[in-house]
Amino acid sequence: MQTLTITTIQDEKDLSLLLNFMKKQPQYYPNYKDWLFGKCKERIESGRYIPIIAISKGKVIGDAIFQYLNKKNIEIKNFRIDPKYQNRDLGHFLLKQVEAETKKASMNLDVSIDNFQGIEFFIQNGFKILKKENLYLLTQFEYVMKRD
């Protein structure tokens, strides 16, 4: 049996593990690596972005990164599970951790319309599609989703 730890970033080592995990996972945003090692890293270090990570065998296998828009609303900026660990309820557990950390604030996020598994997961967890928009690339659409 392997040990699973759910935690926030504790030190530079955890931050490095998270960023390397995120770098390896597919993402379709323009200049993704620049954002990841620039704004995202800076915002985590400053406390603007709050990451929750799942660690197994010394590796990050899932993350949920969010920011407060105000006291009652958050935006999930990044949510992913390593494909080898999907379909084990880890996503549900990470989402529950976000709820606990935010005292069940209203949640907002966007997801690529091509991410069928992600869309289905969020709908099953009470999110509703508000609109379809080009948020990052003119050739790609995202669903803006919300859960009260």
Protein backbone atom coordinates (compact mmCIF):
# COMPACT_ATOMS: atom_id res chain seq x y z
CA MET A 1 0.00 0.00 0.00
CA GLN A 2 1.35 3.42 -0.90
CA THR A 3 1.04 6.51 1.27
CA LEU A 4 -0.89 9.48 -0.07
CA THR A 5 -0.37 12.94 1.40
CA ILE A 6 -2.62 15.91 0.69
CA THR A 7 -0.97 19.17 1.71
CA THR A 8 -0.32 22.77 0.81
CA ILE A 9 3.12 23.87 -0.38
CA GLN A 10 5.46 23.67 2.62
CA ASP A 11 8.79 24.67 1.10
CA GLU A 12 10.80 25.21 -2.09
CA LYS A 13 11.04 21.44 -2.61
CA ASP A 14 7.24 21.11 -2.69
CA LEU A 15 6.97 24.08 -5.04
CA SER A 16 9.56 22.55 -7.36
CA LEU A 17 7.71 19.19 -7.32
CA LEU A 18 4.45 20.97 -8.19
CA LEU A 19 5.91 23.04 -11.03
CA ASN A 20 7.62 19.99 -12.55
CA PHE A 21 4.36 18.02 -12.32
CA MET A 22 2.47 20.84 -14.03
CA LYS A 23 5.12 21.15 -16.74
CA LYS A 24 4.72 17.47 -17.68
CA GLN A 25 0.94 17.51 -17.92
CA PRO A 26 -0.61 18.61 -21.22
CA GLN A 27 -1.88 22.16 -21.29
CA TYR A 28 -3.12 24.14 -24.25
CA TYR A 29 -2.59 27.73 -23.16
CA PRO A 30 -0.33 30.02 -25.16
CA ASN A 31 3.11 30.47 -23.61
CA TYR A 32 2.20 27.95 -20.89
CA LYS A 33 5.74 27.38 -19.60
CA ASP A 34 6.37 31.13 -19.40
CA TRP A 35 3.18 31.53 -17.34
CA LEU A 36 4.03 28.49 -15.20
CA PHE A 37 7.55 29.55 -14.23
CA GLY A 38 6.68 33.26 -14.23
CA LYS A 39 3.30 34.46 -13.02
CA CYS A 40 2.09 31.17 -11.56
CA LYS A 41 5.25 30.59 -9.52
CA GLU A 42 5.31 34.21 -8.33
CA ARG A 43 1.64 34.11 -7.33
CA ILE A 44 2.11 30.89 -5.38
CA GLU A 45 5.13 32.35 -3.59
CA SER A 46 3.24 35.55 -2.76
CA GLY A 47 0.19 33.65 -1.48
CA ARG A 48 -2.16 34.93 -4.19
CA TYR A 49 -2.54 31.39 -5.59
CA ILE A 50 -3.18 28.67 -3.03
CA PRO A 51 -2.06 25.20 -4.11
CA ILE A 52 -3.19 21.91 -2.66
CA ILE A 53 -1.09 18.97 -3.79
CA ALA A 54 -1.41 15.20 -3.63
CA ILE A 55 1.94 13.45 -3.13
CA SER A 56 2.69 9.74 -3.43
CA LYS A 57 6.15 8.17 -3.33
CA GLY A 58 7.73 11.63 -3.27
CA LYS A 59 5.98 12.75 -6.47
CA VAL A 60 3.08 15.12 -7.04
CA ILE A 61 0.23 13.14 -8.58
CA GLY A 62 -2.48 15.80 -8.45
CA ASP A 63 -3.07 19.46 -7.73
CA ALA A 64 -5.76 22.04 -7.18
CA ILE A 65 -4.65 25.67 -7.34
CA PHE A 66 -7.12 28.43 -6.57
CA GLN A 67 -7.31 32.13 -5.83
CA TYR A 68 -9.86 34.19 -3.96
CA LEU A 69 -11.82 36.61 -6.12
CA ASN A 70 -13.49 37.88 -2.93
CA LYS A 71 -14.50 36.32 0.40
CA LYS A 72 -17.31 34.26 -1.13
CA ASN A 73 -15.89 33.41 -4.57
CA ILE A 74 -12.81 31.56 -5.73
CA GLU A 75 -11.39 30.71 -9.12
CA ILE A 76 -9.74 27.35 -9.67
CA LYS A 77 -6.71 28.18 -11.79
CA ASN A 78 -5.37 24.66 -12.21
CA PHE A 79 -6.82 21.24 -11.41
CA ARG A 80 -5.27 18.04 -12.65
CA ILE A 81 -4.59 14.44 -11.74
CA ASP A 82 -1.75 12.38 -13.19
CA PRO A 83 -3.43 10.07 -15.76
CA LYS A 84 -1.97 7.02 -13.96
CA TYR A 85 -3.96 7.99 -10.85
CA GLN A 86 -7.25 9.01 -12.45
CA ASN A 87 -10.50 7.18 -11.71
CA ARG A 88 -9.50 6.60 -8.07
CA ASP A 89 -11.57 9.47 -6.57
CA LEU A 90 -8.46 11.61 -6.05
CA GLY A 91 -10.09 14.47 -7.95
CA HIS A 92 -13.15 14.32 -5.68
CA PHE A 93 -10.89 14.37 -2.63
CA LEU A 94 -8.89 17.36 -3.90
CA LEU A 95 -12.11 19.24 -4.65
CA LYS A 96 -13.34 18.48 -1.10
CA GLN A 97 -10.06 19.90 0.24
CA VAL A 98 -10.63 23.11 -1.74
CA GLU A 99 -14.15 23.30 -0.25
CA ALA A 100 -12.77 22.83 3.27
CA GLU A 101 -10.06 25.47 2.75
CA THR A 102 -12.51 28.01 1.31
CA LYS A 103 -15.47 27.33 3.61
CA LYS A 104 -17.54 26.24 0.61
CA ALA A 105 -17.15 29.46 -1.36
CA SER A 106 -18.67 29.69 -4.83
CA MET A 107 -16.22 28.18 -7.35
CA ASN A 108 -15.44 29.36 -10.87
CA LEU A 109 -13.19 27.76 -13.47
CA ASP A 110 -12.67 27.30 -17.17
CA VAL A 111 -12.04 24.08 -19.03
CA SER A 112 -11.25 23.39 -22.67
CA ILE A 113 -14.29 22.14 -24.58
CA ASP A 114 -12.06 19.26 -25.78
CA ASN A 115 -11.46 18.08 -22.20
CA PHE A 116 -14.46 15.75 -22.04
CA GLN A 117 -13.28 13.94 -18.91
CA GLY A 118 -12.73 17.23 -17.07
CA ILE A 119 -16.11 18.63 -18.13
CA GLU A 120 -17.88 15.46 -17.00
CA PHE A 121 -16.02 15.48 -13.66
CA PHE A 122 -16.98 19.07 -12.88
CA ILE A 123 -20.63 18.57 -13.95
CA GLN A 124 -20.82 15.47 -11.71
CA ASN A 125 -19.53 17.67 -8.89
CA GLY A 126 -22.23 20.31 -9.25
CA PHE A 127 -20.66 22.77 -11.70
CA LYS A 128 -22.81 24.33 -14.40
CA ILE A 129 -21.64 25.61 -17.77
CA LEU A 130 -22.25 29.36 -17.90
CA LYS A 131 -20.85 30.13 -21.34
CA LYS A 132 -18.48 29.13 -24.12
CA GLU A 133 -15.66 31.57 -24.84
CA ASN A 134 -12.30 31.99 -26.54
CA LEU A 135 -10.21 32.76 -23.48
CA TYR A 136 -6.70 31.90 -24.60
CA LEU A 137 -6.55 31.16 -28.32
CA LEU A 138 -8.82 32.20 -31.18
CA THR A 139 -8.90 28.60 -32.40
CA GLN A 140 -9.84 27.10 -29.04
CA PHE A 141 -12.95 27.43 -26.91
CA GLU A 142 -13.34 26.97 -23.18
CA TYR A 143 -16.41 26.49 -21.03
CA VAL A 144 -16.68 28.87 -18.13
CA MET A 145 -18.20 26.87 -15.28
CA LYS A 146 -19.50 27.74 -11.82
CA ARG A 147 -20.69 26.02 -8.69
CA ASP A 148 -22.48 27.90 -5.94
